[in-house]
Structures are given as C-alpha cells and as structure tokens.
Amino acid sequence: MSEPVQITCNEKEHFFASYYGINSWSGDQKYVTVLQTDIKYKLPDENEPATLGLVNLNTNDFIPLTQTHAWNFQEGCMAHWLGTSPDSLIIFNDLRDGKFVSVILNVYTKNEIKVLPYPVSAVSPDRKEAISINFSRLRITRPDYGYGGNGQDPKADIQFPEDDGLFLINLESGEAKLIISLAQIREMVPAITKEGIEYFAHTRFSRKGSKIFWLARAIPERNTTAFTVNRDGTNLKRCFPDNWSGSHFDWLNDDELMITAAYEGMQYAHILFTPGQQDFKRLGKGLLDYDGHGTFSPDGNWMVTDTYPAESSGEQKLYLMDMATEAVLPIGRFIEPKEFTSGSRFWRCDLHCRWSPEGNMIGFNSTYSGSRQVYILHLTY
C-alpha cells in the first residue's frame, strides 16, 4: 500500500463531490469528481457556489466543469457517474430559478444534456433511475446535509407529510413517483412530540439495484429507524429495534447490509445482517465497535472504514478489514485541526473513505495539512 497521495492543491479547499460509498471515479479510473471552494469554516448557503470539476489522476490537474449552488461539505453535490459509453456523463444537484434540480452533464464537452426537476440522492446501478428526497426539509433538520435556498417546500409544519418521502425518478423521462411517503412510516417509527419533524436521509440502492435502503430520523428526539424497500415500493421492512438507532451503511450484495448501530441498544458497532432476519453479526471481533463510514470493495472481499476525530488529539484513523478472516489492518492516521471540529461542526471534515471501481484505490478527504484536500491510497494485494 502506498502512502497517501494528495491529488489537490492547497490554494483552495477541495473534497469529493459526493457522499462516501458513492463512486467518484470514471470507468477508466483516470478522473475523479471533486468540488472546489474558498469556504472553510462556515455552513455554505445558496449564494456561495462551489466549482464542480475533475481531477486527472495522471497529472493531479483540476479541470473545472461548472458551478453548483446546491452543495454541502458532507455530501458534496451528490455527483454520480452515469457510466454511459463513452464514460462521459455525470449527474449532480444544483439550484436553478429557485428550485433544486439535477443536471446531466457531458464532462468532455461541458454541455448540459438534461435538467431534471428533482435533486438526486442515489442513482441505481443501471443508471436508469434515481432516488430523490427533500433537501429543504433536511436543511431545517440536519443543516449540514441540506442545501440553502429553499429549493423545495420543506413542509415544516407537517410532521408526516403524505406527499413527501422517497421519490423514484426516471432519468430518461424526468418523471417521478412517490414510492414511500413519510406518512406511510408513521406507525413504524418511535413517537415524536408535537414540535417534532420526521425526515428521510441517506439513501442507497443495493448492489444489483433491486432494493433501496434509507434512514428515517426525527428532531428534536434524534431517533433513527433504518428501512429497506423494493425498488417498486413493495416489501417495506424495518432493519432494527428502536433502541438500536443507526448511522452509516453499505450494501454487501442485494440481500446483506452493513450498518453502524448500537448493537442490542448498547455499543455502537459495524453490524452485518439481512433485513427481516435476526442474523446480526458484529464485524471486526471487537476492533470496529464504534461509528464509522464503512464501505465494501467492489468484489466484497474487503471493507474500509474510518473513525471520527478523537476528542483529545483530533486523530482520525482508517482501517481495512478482510471479510474472510475479519482481520483489521490500520492503514492511516490523520490529525484534524480543531478549527474544523469547533462550533456547530457543520464544516467538519470526515475522512469519508471510498473505493475505486477496480478496488485498487481508496480515496478520502482530510484536513491534516491544514486545509481540506483529497487523497488517494494505492493498494496492492
């Protein structure tokens, strides 16, 4: 394994243009999608666009493509490669004429192919459909995961709206249908107070795309319920008892999931399970009993995960686990300056590790140089 290679320059802040677990690489692994900004220690708003671009991994040059007004430090602008042939199209979120939209862009010509009237949260493996959620509702419930600009109706005065939730978008036609509403899960989540608001976040298609995972959360109670549903909206399942909560996740295949949650309502751990069954397994033999951003290699043989910064030292760590033996290997440690973790933490920099399509690179964000930058680890097996 190589030492971390910084692929972005320190003159501006840089980070991957999507959430961890979402592929950032082009099919030939020559380019990655990255956001560039001058903002460092504040929650961005709609008047502070970021530049969406590519980094050429052969030269480490940043190639600007366009700007987006719908982004945050945690999930970027939700850029996804659409994987068409040639490998030229991406989709990302933006704010246009006061509305959140998603834009399909040719990265070579920089021409916009299509603007869809819904922001995307996840794209199906066949690149034909996407999931959309309400990013304005996120802005008032989890500000660091929503977008500024009131680009959607947050329905702030409705606890469980019947006309909001998970929307399945046809990326060809632009049509969308509501497959699970917030009202539909009302009796499946813990009760909330009169002041409470339920919201959806963190969606992900399974490896073959037949199922969707997401989290239903509430404020001010801060409870979390994990769900899965078939792509057509059938077979809705809860993943855990109420007191297990839940945080970060990835699909191992089309049936098994890993999620960091409070095992038996107690210790947070990386838990492998099949929704609807009681086959919960704590991964890592006690070494991964914490909340991290775990994600599986494309072949499913490895899992990479990270830690939040230690309270005293600011140290963040990367670990690699062999799925066959559950051997846990430390692969990096990085110190996050206190400036990035003070205050509201809306501008914190989690490592948010992610795999390349061929499984021979791991990318992550870090501030250990004093600014927010993108790094690559090259792996040899």
Protein backbone atom coordinates (compact mmCIF):
# COMPACT_ATOMS: atom_id res chain seq x y z
CA MET A 1 0.00 0.00 0.00
CA SER A 2 1.24 3.46 -0.91
CA GLU A 3 1.50 6.47 1.31
CA PRO A 4 -1.48 8.82 0.84
CA VAL A 5 -1.11 10.86 -2.34
CA GLN A 6 -2.61 14.36 -2.21
CA ILE A 7 -4.25 14.97 -5.59
CA THR A 8 -5.50 18.53 -4.99
CA CYS A 9 -3.60 21.76 -4.29
CA ASN A 10 -3.65 23.72 -1.05
CA GLU A 11 -4.56 27.04 -2.67
CA LYS A 12 -8.28 26.25 -2.27
CA GLU A 13 -10.43 23.78 -0.34
CA HIS A 14 -11.20 20.50 -2.14
CA PHE A 15 -13.26 17.41 -1.37
CA PHE A 16 -15.00 14.58 -3.20
CA ALA A 17 -18.20 15.77 -4.90
CA SER A 18 -20.41 13.07 -3.37
CA TYR A 19 -21.04 11.18 -0.15
CA TYR A 20 -18.81 8.28 0.91
CA GLY A 21 -19.72 4.96 -0.73
CA ILE A 22 -20.70 6.67 -4.00
CA ASN A 23 -18.30 6.01 -6.85
CA SER A 24 -16.21 9.10 -7.62
CA TRP A 25 -14.09 7.55 -10.40
CA SER A 26 -14.66 7.49 -14.14
CA GLY A 27 -14.86 3.99 -15.60
CA ASP A 28 -11.24 4.09 -16.76
CA GLN A 29 -10.19 5.37 -13.30
CA LYS A 30 -8.47 8.36 -14.89
CA TYR A 31 -10.69 11.05 -13.31
CA VAL A 32 -12.47 11.70 -10.01
CA THR A 33 -15.24 14.21 -9.32
CA VAL A 34 -14.20 16.94 -6.85
CA LEU A 35 -15.66 20.20 -5.52
CA GLN A 36 -13.51 23.31 -5.08
CA THR A 37 -14.36 26.26 -2.82
CA ASP A 38 -12.86 29.15 -0.88
CA ILE A 39 -15.21 28.49 2.06
CA LYS A 40 -13.56 26.89 5.03
CA TYR A 41 -15.21 27.41 8.43
CA LYS A 42 -18.91 28.04 7.75
CA LEU A 43 -22.09 26.39 6.53
CA PRO A 44 -22.38 27.31 2.84
CA ASP A 45 -25.54 28.95 1.54
CA GLU A 46 -27.12 29.34 -1.89
CA ASN A 47 -25.13 32.49 -2.61
CA GLU A 48 -21.80 30.67 -2.30
CA PRO A 49 -21.39 28.32 -5.26
CA ALA A 50 -18.71 25.64 -5.42
CA THR A 51 -16.86 24.67 -8.58
CA LEU A 52 -17.51 21.11 -9.72
CA GLY A 53 -14.60 19.60 -11.59
CA LEU A 54 -12.47 16.58 -12.36
CA VAL A 55 -9.01 15.75 -11.11
CA ASN A 56 -6.87 13.94 -13.66
CA LEU A 57 -5.14 11.25 -11.62
CA ASN A 58 -2.23 11.08 -14.07
CA THR A 59 -1.34 14.74 -13.61
CA ASN A 60 -3.35 15.82 -10.50
CA ASP A 61 -4.68 18.76 -12.53
CA PHE A 62 -8.08 20.14 -11.51
CA ILE A 63 -10.35 20.59 -14.54
CA PRO A 64 -13.30 22.91 -13.75
CA LEU A 65 -16.60 21.88 -15.33
CA THR A 66 -19.32 24.11 -13.88
CA GLN A 67 -20.62 25.64 -10.67
CA THR A 68 -23.29 24.38 -8.31
CA HIS A 69 -25.37 26.27 -5.74
CA ALA A 70 -26.66 23.02 -4.14
CA TRP A 71 -23.86 21.50 -2.12
CA ASN A 72 -22.55 20.87 1.38
CA PHE A 73 -19.33 19.65 2.96
CA GLN A 74 -20.75 16.24 3.89
CA GLU A 75 -22.24 15.02 0.62
CA GLY A 76 -20.93 17.47 -1.94
CA CYS A 77 -23.47 17.98 -4.74
CA MET A 78 -24.24 14.25 -4.91
CA ALA A 79 -22.32 13.81 -8.17
CA HIS A 80 -22.70 10.36 -9.75
CA TRP A 81 -21.14 8.95 -12.90
CA LEU A 82 -23.84 7.71 -15.24
CA GLY A 83 -21.45 5.27 -16.88
CA THR A 84 -22.64 5.64 -20.45
CA SER A 85 -20.34 4.70 -23.31
CA PRO A 86 -18.11 6.57 -23.73
CA ASP A 87 -17.77 7.25 -19.99
CA SER A 88 -18.67 10.92 -20.30
CA LEU A 89 -21.81 11.75 -18.31
CA ILE A 90 -22.29 12.77 -14.68
CA ILE A 91 -25.38 13.91 -12.77
CA PHE A 92 -25.23 16.45 -9.94
CA ASN A 93 -27.53 18.73 -7.95
CA ASP A 94 -27.95 22.47 -8.43
CA LEU A 95 -30.29 25.36 -7.62
CA ARG A 96 -31.87 26.83 -10.75
CA ASP A 97 -34.55 29.56 -10.80
CA GLY A 98 -35.23 28.97 -7.10
CA LYS A 99 -35.70 25.19 -7.46
CA PHE A 100 -33.45 22.25 -6.65
CA VAL A 101 -32.74 20.22 -9.78
CA SER A 102 -30.34 17.59 -11.03
CA VAL A 103 -28.22 18.21 -14.10
CA ILE A 104 -26.80 15.65 -16.53
CA LEU A 105 -23.53 16.99 -17.95
CA ASN A 106 -21.04 15.76 -20.54
CA VAL A 107 -17.66 16.16 -18.82
CA TYR A 108 -15.72 16.37 -22.09
CA THR A 109 -17.83 18.91 -23.97
CA LYS A 110 -19.16 20.55 -20.76
CA ASN A 111 -22.57 20.62 -22.43
CA GLU A 112 -25.67 20.07 -20.33
CA ILE A 113 -27.65 17.14 -21.68
CA LYS A 114 -30.70 17.46 -19.44
CA VAL A 115 -32.02 19.27 -16.38
CA LEU A 116 -34.42 17.22 -14.23
CA PRO A 117 -36.86 18.92 -11.81
CA TYR A 118 -35.72 16.81 -8.83
CA PRO A 119 -32.43 16.65 -6.89
CA VAL A 120 -30.86 13.19 -6.65
CA SER A 121 -29.82 11.33 -3.51
CA ALA A 122 -28.88 7.95 -5.05
CA VAL A 123 -28.58 6.54 -8.58
CA SER A 124 -29.44 2.95 -9.49
CA PRO A 125 -26.64 0.64 -10.69
CA ASP A 126 -28.19 0.51 -14.17
CA ARG A 127 -28.19 4.35 -14.22
CA LYS A 128 -31.81 4.41 -15.35
CA GLU A 129 -33.41 5.68 -12.15
CA ALA A 130 -32.58 7.75 -9.08
CA ILE A 131 -33.98 8.43 -5.64
CA SER A 132 -34.90 11.97 -4.66
CA ILE A 133 -35.57 13.34 -1.17
CA ASN A 134 -36.42 16.75 0.26
CA PHE A 135 -33.18 18.69 0.75
CA SER A 136 -35.01 21.75 2.10
CA ARG A 137 -36.53 19.57 4.83
CA LEU A 138 -33.00 18.34 5.53
CA ARG A 139 -31.80 21.92 5.81
CA ILE A 140 -34.11 22.55 8.79
CA THR A 141 -33.48 19.14 10.41
CA ARG A 142 -29.82 18.40 9.57
CA PRO A 143 -28.46 21.68 8.13
CA ASP A 144 -25.09 20.21 7.14
CA TYR A 145 -26.83 17.68 4.85
CA GLY A 146 -29.36 20.02 3.24
CA TYR A 147 -28.96 22.90 0.82
CA GLY A 148 -29.60 26.60 1.27
CA GLY A 149 -32.05 28.41 -0.98
CA ASN A 150 -35.48 26.92 -0.23
CA GLY A 151 -35.39 24.98 -3.47
CA GLN A 152 -38.16 22.66 -2.28
CA ASP A 153 -41.13 23.03 0.03
CA PRO A 154 -39.80 21.76 3.39
CA LYS A 155 -43.35 21.15 4.66
CA ALA A 156 -42.03 22.29 8.02
CA ASP A 157 -45.44 22.42 9.66
CA ILE A 158 -46.33 18.79 8.79
CA GLN A 159 -44.78 16.03 10.89
CA PHE A 160 -45.50 13.18 8.47
CA PRO A 161 -46.48 14.53 5.02
CA GLU A 162 -48.45 12.25 2.74
CA ASP A 163 -46.97 13.81 -0.40
CA ASP A 164 -43.29 13.76 0.56
CA GLY A 165 -40.75 10.98 1.10
CA LEU A 166 -38.82 8.76 -1.32
CA PHE A 167 -39.35 9.60 -4.98
CA LEU A 168 -38.18 7.29 -7.77
CA ILE A 169 -37.08 9.33 -10.80
CA ASN A 170 -36.89 8.03 -14.36
CA LEU A 171 -33.65 9.64 -15.61
CA GLU A 172 -34.74 9.35 -19.23
CA SER A 173 -38.19 10.92 -18.97
CA GLY A 174 -37.68 13.01 -15.85
CA GLU A 175 -40.91 11.66 -14.37
CA ALA A 176 -41.02 10.83 -10.67
CA LYS A 177 -43.33 8.82 -8.44
CA LEU A 178 -43.59 8.73 -4.67
CA ILE A 179 -42.82 5.15 -3.59
CA ILE A 180 -42.75 5.64 0.21
CA SER A 181 -44.28 8.63 1.98
CA LEU A 182 -43.35 9.94 5.40
CA ALA A 183 -46.95 9.35 6.45
CA GLN A 184 -46.60 5.69 5.48
CA ILE A 185 -43.97 5.00 8.14
CA ARG A 186 -45.62 6.94 10.96
CA GLU A 187 -46.64 3.83 12.92
CA MET A 188 -43.27 2.16 12.28
CA VAL A 189 -41.06 4.76 13.99
CA PRO A 190 -40.86 5.99 17.60
CA ALA A 191 -43.46 8.58 18.60
CA ILE A 192 -42.38 12.21 18.38
CA THR A 193 -43.54 15.31 20.25
CA LYS A 194 -45.89 17.93 18.84
CA GLU A 195 -42.86 20.01 17.90
CA GLY A 196 -41.16 17.07 16.17
CA ILE A 197 -40.47 16.62 12.46
CA GLU A 198 -39.74 13.29 10.75
CA TYR A 199 -37.45 13.30 7.71
CA PHE A 200 -35.70 10.93 5.29
CA ALA A 201 -31.94 10.86 4.63
CA HIS A 202 -29.06 8.73 3.35
CA THR A 203 -30.48 6.58 0.56
CA ARG A 204 -28.65 3.78 -1.25
CA PHE A 205 -29.57 1.22 -3.92
CA SER A 206 -28.46 -2.37 -3.35
CA ARG A 207 -25.62 -3.75 -5.48
CA LYS A 208 -27.93 -5.01 -8.25
CA GLY A 209 -30.47 -2.27 -7.67
CA SER A 210 -33.47 -4.33 -6.60
CA LYS A 211 -33.75 -2.68 -3.15
CA ILE A 212 -33.31 0.71 -1.52
CA PHE A 213 -32.02 1.45 1.99
CA TRP A 214 -32.57 4.72 3.84
CA LEU A 215 -32.85 6.28 7.29
CA ALA A 216 -35.96 7.88 8.81
CA ARG A 217 -35.00 10.35 11.51
CA ALA A 218 -36.71 12.91 13.71
CA ILE A 219 -35.96 16.12 15.55
CA PRO A 220 -35.81 17.07 18.36
CA GLU A 221 -35.88 13.45 19.53
CA ARG A 222 -32.93 12.45 17.31
CA ASN A 223 -34.21 8.91 16.91
CA THR A 224 -33.32 6.87 13.82
CA THR A 225 -35.09 3.99 12.11
CA ALA A 226 -33.44 2.11 9.23
CA PHE A 227 -35.62 0.83 6.39
CA THR A 228 -35.38 -1.15 3.17
CA VAL A 229 -37.92 -1.39 0.38
CA ASN A 230 -38.07 -2.98 -3.07
CA ARG A 231 -37.39 -0.65 -5.96
CA ASP A 232 -41.09 -0.65 -6.85
CA GLY A 233 -42.11 0.40 -3.32
CA THR A 234 -43.17 -3.05 -2.09
CA ASN A 235 -41.87 -5.14 0.82
CA LEU A 236 -41.17 -2.30 3.25
CA LYS A 237 -39.01 -3.57 6.15
CA ARG A 238 -37.57 -2.13 9.34
CA CYS A 239 -33.97 -3.16 9.98
CA PHE A 240 -33.54 -2.86 13.78
CA PRO A 241 -35.45 -2.47 17.03
CA ASP A 242 -35.99 1.17 18.07
CA ASN A 243 -33.13 1.43 20.54
CA TRP A 244 -30.50 0.29 18.01
CA SER A 245 -30.64 3.62 16.16
CA GLY A 246 -28.28 3.54 13.15
CA SER A 247 -25.90 5.73 11.24
CA HIS A 248 -23.64 4.73 8.32
CA PHE A 249 -24.09 1.80 5.97
CA ASP A 250 -23.34 -0.07 2.76
CA TRP A 251 -24.82 -2.99 0.83
CA LEU A 252 -22.55 -6.05 0.63
CA ASN A 253 -24.81 -7.54 -2.06
CA ASP A 254 -28.52 -7.43 -2.88
CA ASP A 255 -29.53 -9.00 0.43
CA GLU A 256 -26.94 -8.20 3.12
CA LEU A 257 -26.24 -4.80 4.63
CA MET A 258 -23.63 -3.38 6.97
CA ILE A 259 -24.71 -0.55 9.22
CA THR A 260 -23.08 1.10 12.22
CA ALA A 261 -25.65 0.96 15.02
CA ALA A 262 -25.97 0.39 18.75
CA TYR A 263 -25.76 -3.41 18.94
CA GLU A 264 -28.56 -4.65 21.23
CA GLY A 265 -29.12 -0.99 22.13
CA MET A 266 -25.69 -0.67 23.71
CA GLN A 267 -22.30 -0.49 21.99
CA TYR A 268 -22.03 1.02 18.51
CA ALA A 269 -20.54 -1.48 16.07
CA HIS A 270 -20.29 -2.35 12.38
CA ILE A 271 -23.15 -4.85 12.02
CA LEU A 272 -23.73 -7.20 9.08
CA PHE A 273 -27.29 -8.51 8.66
CA THR A 274 -30.11 -9.38 6.28
CA PRO A 275 -33.17 -7.11 6.63
CA GLY A 276 -36.12 -9.03 8.00
CA GLN A 277 -33.92 -11.63 9.68
CA GLN A 278 -32.23 -11.80 13.09
CA ASP A 279 -28.76 -12.73 11.80
CA PHE A 280 -26.95 -9.71 13.27
CA LYS A 281 -23.16 -10.09 13.25
CA ARG A 282 -20.69 -7.63 14.76
CA LEU A 283 -17.77 -7.30 12.37
CA GLY A 284 -14.14 -6.90 13.37
CA LYS A 285 -14.06 -9.05 16.53
CA GLY A 286 -14.35 -6.02 18.81
CA LEU A 287 -11.92 -3.79 16.91
CA LEU A 288 -14.64 -1.98 14.98
CA ASP A 289 -17.04 -1.29 17.84
CA TYR A 290 -17.63 2.36 17.03
CA ASP A 291 -19.48 4.55 14.50
CA GLY A 292 -17.56 4.75 11.22
CA HIS A 293 -18.15 5.21 7.49
CA GLY A 294 -17.73 1.61 6.35
CA THR A 295 -17.96 0.61 2.69
CA PHE A 296 -17.20 -2.62 0.81
CA SER A 297 -14.74 -3.16 -2.03
CA PRO A 298 -16.35 -3.88 -5.43
CA ASP A 299 -15.62 -7.62 -5.06
CA GLY A 300 -16.94 -7.68 -1.48
CA ASN A 301 -13.70 -9.10 -0.08
CA TRP A 302 -12.72 -6.03 1.95
CA MET A 303 -14.31 -3.26 3.97
CA VAL A 304 -12.69 0.10 4.58
CA THR A 305 -13.89 2.31 7.42
CA ASP A 306 -12.82 5.34 9.41
CA THR A 307 -13.14 6.95 12.83
CA TYR A 308 -14.35 10.33 13.98
CA PRO A 309 -11.59 12.55 15.40
CA ALA A 310 -10.56 11.65 18.93
CA GLU A 311 -11.76 14.31 21.35
CA SER A 312 -8.37 14.96 22.89
CA SER A 313 -6.00 14.55 19.95
CA GLY A 314 -8.17 15.09 16.87
CA GLU A 315 -6.80 11.84 15.46
CA GLN A 316 -8.81 10.16 12.69
CA LYS A 317 -7.96 6.64 11.57
CA LEU A 318 -8.53 4.46 8.52
CA TYR A 319 -8.92 0.69 8.84
CA LEU A 320 -9.13 -2.10 6.27
CA MET A 321 -10.88 -5.37 7.18
CA ASP A 322 -10.55 -8.71 5.40
CA MET A 323 -14.13 -10.02 5.13
CA ALA A 324 -12.96 -13.66 5.14
CA THR A 325 -10.92 -13.54 8.35
CA GLU A 326 -12.17 -10.25 9.88
CA ALA A 327 -8.54 -9.24 10.34
CA VAL A 328 -8.44 -5.46 10.85
CA LEU A 329 -5.48 -3.59 9.39
CA PRO A 330 -4.66 0.06 10.27
CA ILE A 331 -3.87 1.93 7.05
CA GLY A 332 -3.65 5.57 8.12
CA ARG A 333 -3.91 8.11 10.91
CA PHE A 334 -4.52 11.83 10.42
CA ILE A 335 -4.94 14.77 12.80
CA GLU A 336 -7.87 17.10 12.17
CA PRO A 337 -7.19 20.70 13.32
CA LYS A 338 -9.60 21.94 15.98
CA GLU A 339 -10.82 24.72 13.68
CA PHE A 340 -12.71 22.08 11.68
CA THR A 341 -14.42 20.49 14.67
CA SER A 342 -15.29 23.53 16.78
CA GLY A 343 -18.66 25.24 16.96
CA SER A 344 -21.57 23.59 15.16
CA ARG A 345 -19.31 21.15 13.25
CA PHE A 346 -21.25 21.94 10.06
CA TRP A 347 -17.88 22.30 8.31
CA ARG A 348 -16.18 19.24 9.83
CA CYS A 349 -14.18 17.01 7.51
CA ASP A 350 -14.86 13.30 7.96
CA LEU A 351 -12.49 11.01 6.08
CA HIS A 352 -15.42 9.51 4.11
CA CYS A 353 -13.36 6.73 2.57
CA ARG A 354 -14.44 5.23 -0.78
CA TRP A 355 -13.33 2.60 -3.31
CA SER A 356 -12.35 2.90 -6.95
CA PRO A 357 -14.31 0.67 -9.39
CA GLU A 358 -11.42 -1.79 -9.73
CA GLY A 359 -10.83 -1.90 -5.97
CA ASN A 360 -7.18 -0.89 -6.26
CA MET A 361 -7.55 2.62 -4.84
CA ILE A 362 -9.14 4.14 -1.75
CA GLY A 363 -9.93 7.84 -1.73
CA PHE A 364 -10.63 10.07 1.27
CA ASN A 365 -10.91 13.69 2.37
CA SER A 366 -8.73 15.13 5.13
CA THR A 367 -7.70 18.41 6.74
CA TYR A 368 -4.48 17.16 8.30
CA SER A 369 -2.44 19.52 6.07
CA GLY A 370 -4.39 22.48 7.48
CA SER A 371 -6.81 22.70 4.57
CA ARG A 372 -9.48 20.37 3.17
CA GLN A 373 -7.94 18.19 0.46
CA VAL A 374 -8.45 14.91 -1.42
CA TYR A 375 -6.14 11.92 -1.06
CA ILE A 376 -5.66 8.56 -2.76
CA LEU A 377 -4.18 5.33 -1.37
CA HIS A 378 -2.95 2.81 -3.95
CA LEU A 379 -3.42 -0.81 -2.88
CA THR A 380 -1.52 -3.98 -3.73
CA TYR A 381 -2.90 -7.38 -2.72
